[in-house]
């Protein structure tokens, strides 16, 4: 099961995050495979900026973006114990991507939720359980249990698909 929240963040806060992540000064790091720990033959390359992982802050941008977790808690009434990982992902429009990206789970343990905050309107859907498509739109959030199979699809019309992917322990 998954749920969608339209306009997760207050508009001024969302615009602030968007302006920072779209800035030419924001650091993006090449990932030969966008799915951590899942090497496959699909061309799932892209860029990422890890904010928090391995139990530590990994970016100066983390303090600005961390409050989305509290807003998520408020809007969903889900109590978060801890952040497992928070990362900004960027897929670009290229004809090198396979139509089907690799299915994966974020963490195969109970008591974890994943939520994806879309930072732009795009045609790169998130596909959940191979059947439910969630189309990226500014400030839309989709959330589900972290052990649910899902995948990102690359944009074919828009130039990019940019998201904040957060995994929390509940």
C-alpha atoms as a PDB file:
ATOM      1  CA  UNK A   1       0.000   0.000   0.000  1.00  0.00           C
ATOM      2  CA  UNK A   2       1.127   3.533  -0.677  1.00  0.00           C
ATOM      3  CA  UNK A   3      -0.231   6.998  -0.006  1.00  0.00           C
ATOM      4  CA  UNK A   4       0.254  10.345  -1.708  1.00  0.00           C
ATOM      5  CA  UNK A   5       0.386  13.790  -0.119  1.00  0.00           C
ATOM      6  CA  UNK A   6      -0.019  16.786  -2.404  1.00  0.00           C
ATOM      7  CA  UNK A   7       1.927  19.885  -1.312  1.00  0.00           C
ATOM      8  CA  UNK A   8       3.840  18.275   1.539  1.00  0.00           C
ATOM      9  CA  UNK A   9       5.849  21.394   2.320  1.00  0.00           C
ATOM     10  CA  UNK A  10       4.819  25.018   2.753  1.00  0.00           C
ATOM     11  CA  UNK A  11       5.423  26.691  -0.606  1.00  0.00           C
ATOM     12  CA  UNK A  12       8.193  29.119   0.538  1.00  0.00           C
ATOM     13  CA  UNK A  13      10.152  26.246   2.131  1.00  0.00           C
ATOM     14  CA  UNK A  14       9.705  24.047  -0.949  1.00  0.00           C
ATOM     15  CA  UNK A  15      10.930  26.870  -3.210  1.00  0.00           C
ATOM     16  CA  UNK A  16      13.973  27.395  -0.966  1.00  0.00           C
ATOM     17  CA  UNK A  17      14.919  23.699  -1.248  1.00  0.00           C
ATOM     18  CA  UNK A  18      14.287  23.722  -4.986  1.00  0.00           C
ATOM     19  CA  UNK A  19      16.426  26.849  -5.495  1.00  0.00           C
ATOM     20  CA  UNK A  20      19.330  25.288  -3.616  1.00  0.00           C
ATOM     21  CA  UNK A  21      19.170  21.927  -5.416  1.00  0.00           C
ATOM     22  CA  UNK A  22      18.887  23.624  -8.817  1.00  0.00           C
ATOM     23  CA  UNK A  23      21.789  25.971  -8.127  1.00  0.00           C
ATOM     24  CA  UNK A  24      25.007  25.562 -10.097  1.00  0.00           C
ATOM     25  CA  UNK A  25      26.766  25.567  -6.698  1.00  0.00           C
ATOM     26  CA  UNK A  26      24.954  22.437  -5.473  1.00  0.00           C
ATOM     27  CA  UNK A  27      27.229  19.378  -5.530  1.00  0.00           C
ATOM     28  CA  UNK A  28      25.994  16.376  -7.492  1.00  0.00           C
ATOM     29  CA  UNK A  29      27.905  13.098  -7.421  1.00  0.00           C
ATOM     30  CA  UNK A  30      27.959  10.575 -10.247  1.00  0.00           C
ATOM     31  CA  UNK A  31      26.454   7.157  -9.484  1.00  0.00           C
ATOM     32  CA  UNK A  32      27.120   4.431 -11.974  1.00  0.00           C
ATOM     33  CA  UNK A  33      24.088   2.652 -10.527  1.00  0.00           C
ATOM     34  CA  UNK A  34      21.261   4.601  -8.863  1.00  0.00           C
ATOM     35  CA  UNK A  35      20.095   1.655  -6.771  1.00  0.00           C
ATOM     36  CA  UNK A  36      22.418   1.191  -3.803  1.00  0.00           C
ATOM     37  CA  UNK A  37      23.631  -2.384  -3.624  1.00  0.00           C
ATOM     38  CA  UNK A  38      21.705  -3.558  -6.697  1.00  0.00           C
ATOM     39  CA  UNK A  39      24.083  -3.871  -9.617  1.00  0.00           C
ATOM     40  CA  UNK A  40      22.336  -4.847 -12.806  1.00  0.00           C
ATOM     41  CA  UNK A  41      22.659  -4.568 -16.544  1.00  0.00           C
ATOM     42  CA  UNK A  42      20.138  -1.732 -16.828  1.00  0.00           C
ATOM     43  CA  UNK A  43      21.582   1.699 -17.420  1.00  0.00           C
ATOM     44  CA  UNK A  44      20.398   3.209 -14.148  1.00  0.00           C
ATOM     45  CA  UNK A  45      23.113   5.808 -13.822  1.00  0.00           C
ATOM     46  CA  UNK A  46      22.449   9.254 -12.456  1.00  0.00           C
ATOM     47  CA  UNK A  47      23.526  11.766  -9.867  1.00  0.00           C
ATOM     48  CA  UNK A  48      22.996  11.862  -6.122  1.00  0.00           C
ATOM     49  CA  UNK A  49      23.658  14.022  -3.126  1.00  0.00           C
ATOM     50  CA  UNK A  50      23.563  12.081   0.139  1.00  0.00           C
ATOM     51  CA  UNK A  51      22.387  14.216   3.028  1.00  0.00           C
ATOM     52  CA  UNK A  52      22.404  11.572   5.756  1.00  0.00           C
ATOM     53  CA  UNK A  53      23.579   7.957   5.754  1.00  0.00           C
ATOM     54  CA  UNK A  54      25.605   5.471   7.768  1.00  0.00           C
ATOM     55  CA  UNK A  55      24.387   7.178  10.954  1.00  0.00           C
ATOM     56  CA  UNK A  56      26.008  10.492  10.115  1.00  0.00           C
ATOM     57  CA  UNK A  57      25.387  13.810   8.430  1.00  0.00           C
ATOM     58  CA  UNK A  58      27.009  13.761   5.009  1.00  0.00           C
ATOM     59  CA  UNK A  59      26.114  17.193   3.653  1.00  0.00           C
ATOM     60  CA  UNK A  60      26.028  20.805   4.777  1.00  0.00           C
ATOM     61  CA  UNK A  61      22.535  20.930   3.238  1.00  0.00           C
ATOM     62  CA  UNK A  62      21.160  18.399   5.756  1.00  0.00           C
ATOM     63  CA  UNK A  63      20.105  20.955   8.424  1.00  0.00           C
ATOM     64  CA  UNK A  64      18.045  22.820   5.830  1.00  0.00           C
ATOM     65  CA  UNK A  65      16.319  19.704   4.497  1.00  0.00           C
ATOM     66  CA  UNK A  66      15.945  17.633   7.701  1.00  0.00           C
ATOM     67  CA  UNK A  67      12.723  19.459   8.760  1.00  0.00           C
ATOM     68  CA  UNK A  68      10.845  17.677   5.969  1.00  0.00           C
ATOM     69  CA  UNK A  69      10.854  14.652   8.291  1.00  0.00           C
ATOM     70  CA  UNK A  70       8.970  16.606  10.972  1.00  0.00           C
ATOM     71  CA  UNK A  71       6.501  17.906   8.393  1.00  0.00           C
ATOM     72  CA  UNK A  72       6.041  14.334   7.140  1.00  0.00           C
ATOM     73  CA  UNK A  73       5.318  13.223  10.723  1.00  0.00           C
ATOM     74  CA  UNK A  74       2.790  15.999  11.174  1.00  0.00           C
ATOM     75  CA  UNK A  75       0.959  15.324   7.901  1.00  0.00           C
ATOM     76  CA  UNK A  76       0.890  11.521   8.263  1.00  0.00           C
ATOM     77  CA  UNK A  77       0.681  11.118  12.047  1.00  0.00           C
ATOM     78  CA  UNK A  78       3.532   8.583  11.728  1.00  0.00           C
ATOM     79  CA  UNK A  79       6.049   8.889  14.574  1.00  0.00           C
ATOM     80  CA  UNK A  80       9.615   8.725  13.283  1.00  0.00           C
ATOM     81  CA  UNK A  81      12.244   7.187  15.572  1.00  0.00           C
ATOM     82  CA  UNK A  82      15.257   7.881  13.388  1.00  0.00           C
ATOM     83  CA  UNK A  83      16.422   8.754   9.894  1.00  0.00           C
ATOM     84  CA  UNK A  84      18.082   5.816   8.148  1.00  0.00           C
ATOM     85  CA  UNK A  85      19.012   7.596   4.905  1.00  0.00           C
ATOM     86  CA  UNK A  86      18.194  10.858   3.160  1.00  0.00           C
ATOM     87  CA  UNK A  87      19.411  11.421  -0.371  1.00  0.00           C
ATOM     88  CA  UNK A  88      18.590  13.639  -3.317  1.00  0.00           C
ATOM     89  CA  UNK A  89      18.515  11.717  -6.603  1.00  0.00           C
ATOM     90  CA  UNK A  90      18.645  13.061 -10.133  1.00  0.00           C
ATOM     91  CA  UNK A  91      17.865  11.060 -13.274  1.00  0.00           C
ATOM     92  CA  UNK A  92      18.329  12.743 -16.624  1.00  0.00           C
ATOM     93  CA  UNK A  93      16.504  12.275 -19.894  1.00  0.00           C
ATOM     94  CA  UNK A  94      18.596  10.075 -22.147  1.00  0.00           C
ATOM     95  CA  UNK A  95      17.837   7.369 -24.641  1.00  0.00           C
ATOM     96  CA  UNK A  96      20.360   5.094 -22.906  1.00  0.00           C
ATOM     97  CA  UNK A  97      17.953   4.168 -20.139  1.00  0.00           C
ATOM     98  CA  UNK A  98      16.054   0.932 -20.402  1.00  0.00           C
ATOM     99  CA  UNK A  99      12.295   1.293 -20.305  1.00  0.00           C
ATOM    100  CA  UNK A 100      12.134  -0.850 -17.152  1.00  0.00           C
ATOM    101  CA  UNK A 101      14.387   0.059 -14.246  1.00  0.00           C
ATOM    102  CA  UNK A 102      15.359  -2.535 -11.651  1.00  0.00           C
ATOM    103  CA  UNK A 103      12.786  -3.259  -8.982  1.00  0.00           C
ATOM    104  CA  UNK A 104      14.139  -3.017  -5.466  1.00  0.00           C
ATOM    105  CA  UNK A 105      13.254  -2.490  -1.838  1.00  0.00           C
ATOM    106  CA  UNK A 106      14.904   0.298   0.139  1.00  0.00           C
ATOM    107  CA  UNK A 107      15.426  -1.835   3.250  1.00  0.00           C
ATOM    108  CA  UNK A 108      14.010  -5.296   3.800  1.00  0.00           C
ATOM    109  CA  UNK A 109      13.039  -4.845   7.424  1.00  0.00           C
ATOM    110  CA  UNK A 110       9.757  -4.061   9.166  1.00  0.00           C
ATOM    111  CA  UNK A 111       9.187  -0.711  10.871  1.00  0.00           C
ATOM    112  CA  UNK A 112      10.730   1.408   8.126  1.00  0.00           C
ATOM    113  CA  UNK A 113       8.949   3.837   5.804  1.00  0.00           C
ATOM    114  CA  UNK A 114      10.238   5.368   2.598  1.00  0.00           C
ATOM    115  CA  UNK A 115       9.006   8.680   1.347  1.00  0.00           C
ATOM    116  CA  UNK A 116       9.825  10.393  -1.900  1.00  0.00           C
ATOM    117  CA  UNK A 117       9.414  14.133  -2.291  1.00  0.00           C
ATOM    118  CA  UNK A 118       9.326  15.178  -5.931  1.00  0.00           C
ATOM    119  CA  UNK A 119      11.224  18.390  -6.633  1.00  0.00           C
ATOM    120  CA  UNK A 120       9.871  18.960 -10.119  1.00  0.00           C
ATOM    121  CA  UNK A 121       7.128  18.046 -12.532  1.00  0.00           C
ATOM    122  CA  UNK A 122       8.390  15.156 -14.609  1.00  0.00           C
ATOM    123  CA  UNK A 123       7.265  12.121 -16.540  1.00  0.00           C
ATOM    124  CA  UNK A 124       9.585   9.737 -14.663  1.00  0.00           C
ATOM    125  CA  UNK A 125       7.012   7.828 -12.620  1.00  0.00           C
ATOM    126  CA  UNK A 126       7.626   5.826  -9.469  1.00  0.00           C
ATOM    127  CA  UNK A 127       6.172   2.360  -9.994  1.00  0.00           C
ATOM    128  CA  UNK A 128       5.067   0.541  -6.845  1.00  0.00           C
ATOM    129  CA  UNK A 129       4.462  -3.236  -6.828  1.00  0.00           C
ATOM    130  CA  UNK A 130       4.761  -3.262 -10.629  1.00  0.00           C
ATOM    131  CA  UNK A 131       1.291  -1.770 -10.985  1.00  0.00           C
ATOM    132  CA  UNK A 132       0.786   1.597  -9.294  1.00  0.00           C
ATOM    133  CA  UNK A 133       2.281   4.615 -11.076  1.00  0.00           C
ATOM    134  CA  UNK A 134       2.906   7.877  -9.228  1.00  0.00           C
ATOM    135  CA  UNK A 135       3.782  10.772 -11.534  1.00  0.00           C
ATOM    136  CA  UNK A 136       6.200  13.370 -10.155  1.00  0.00           C
ATOM    137  CA  UNK A 137       4.783  16.823  -9.505  1.00  0.00           C
ATOM    138  CA  UNK A 138       6.283  19.724  -7.567  1.00  0.00           C
ATOM    139  CA  UNK A 139       6.013  19.135  -3.825  1.00  0.00           C
ATOM    140  CA  UNK A 140       4.135  15.814  -4.132  1.00  0.00           C
ATOM    141  CA  UNK A 141       5.116  13.084  -1.698  1.00  0.00           C
ATOM    142  CA  UNK A 142       4.527   9.355  -1.967  1.00  0.00           C
ATOM    143  CA  UNK A 143       5.203   7.054   0.968  1.00  0.00           C
ATOM    144  CA  UNK A 144       5.125   3.312   1.597  1.00  0.00           C
ATOM    145  CA  UNK A 145       6.734   0.590   3.693  1.00  0.00           C
ATOM    146  CA  UNK A 146      10.440   0.409   2.856  1.00  0.00           C
ATOM    147  CA  UNK A 147      10.196  -3.316   2.084  1.00  0.00           C
ATOM    148  CA  UNK A 148       7.720  -2.716  -0.765  1.00  0.00           C
ATOM    149  CA  UNK A 149       9.040  -3.371  -4.274  1.00  0.00           C
ATOM    150  CA  UNK A 150       9.295  -0.211  -6.365  1.00  0.00           C
ATOM    151  CA  UNK A 151      11.361   1.452  -9.073  1.00  0.00           C
ATOM    152  CA  UNK A 152      12.016   4.810 -10.644  1.00  0.00           C
ATOM    153  CA  UNK A 153      11.479   5.345 -14.322  1.00  0.00           C
ATOM    154  CA  UNK A 154      13.598   7.825 -16.218  1.00  0.00           C
ATOM    155  CA  UNK A 155      12.030  10.859 -17.844  1.00  0.00           C
ATOM    156  CA  UNK A 156      11.387  10.561 -21.553  1.00  0.00           C
ATOM    157  CA  UNK A 157       9.904  14.026 -22.202  1.00  0.00           C
ATOM    158  CA  UNK A 158      11.136  16.284 -19.392  1.00  0.00           C
ATOM    159  CA  UNK A 159      14.861  16.854 -18.982  1.00  0.00           C
ATOM    160  CA  UNK A 160      15.142  15.428 -15.458  1.00  0.00           C
ATOM    161  CA  UNK A 161      13.542  13.688 -12.500  1.00  0.00           C
ATOM    162  CA  UNK A 162      14.727  15.056  -9.155  1.00  0.00           C
ATOM    163  CA  UNK A 163      13.585  13.663  -5.786  1.00  0.00           C
ATOM    164  CA  UNK A 164      14.460  13.609  -2.110  1.00  0.00           C
ATOM    165  CA  UNK A 165      14.342   9.972  -1.051  1.00  0.00           C
ATOM    166  CA  UNK A 166      14.095   9.477   2.708  1.00  0.00           C
ATOM    167  CA  UNK A 167      14.018   6.238   4.670  1.00  0.00           C
ATOM    168  CA  UNK A 168      12.937   6.475   8.303  1.00  0.00           C
ATOM    169  CA  UNK A 169      12.571   4.028  11.153  1.00  0.00           C
ATOM    170  CA  UNK A 170       9.156   4.132  12.783  1.00  0.00           C
END
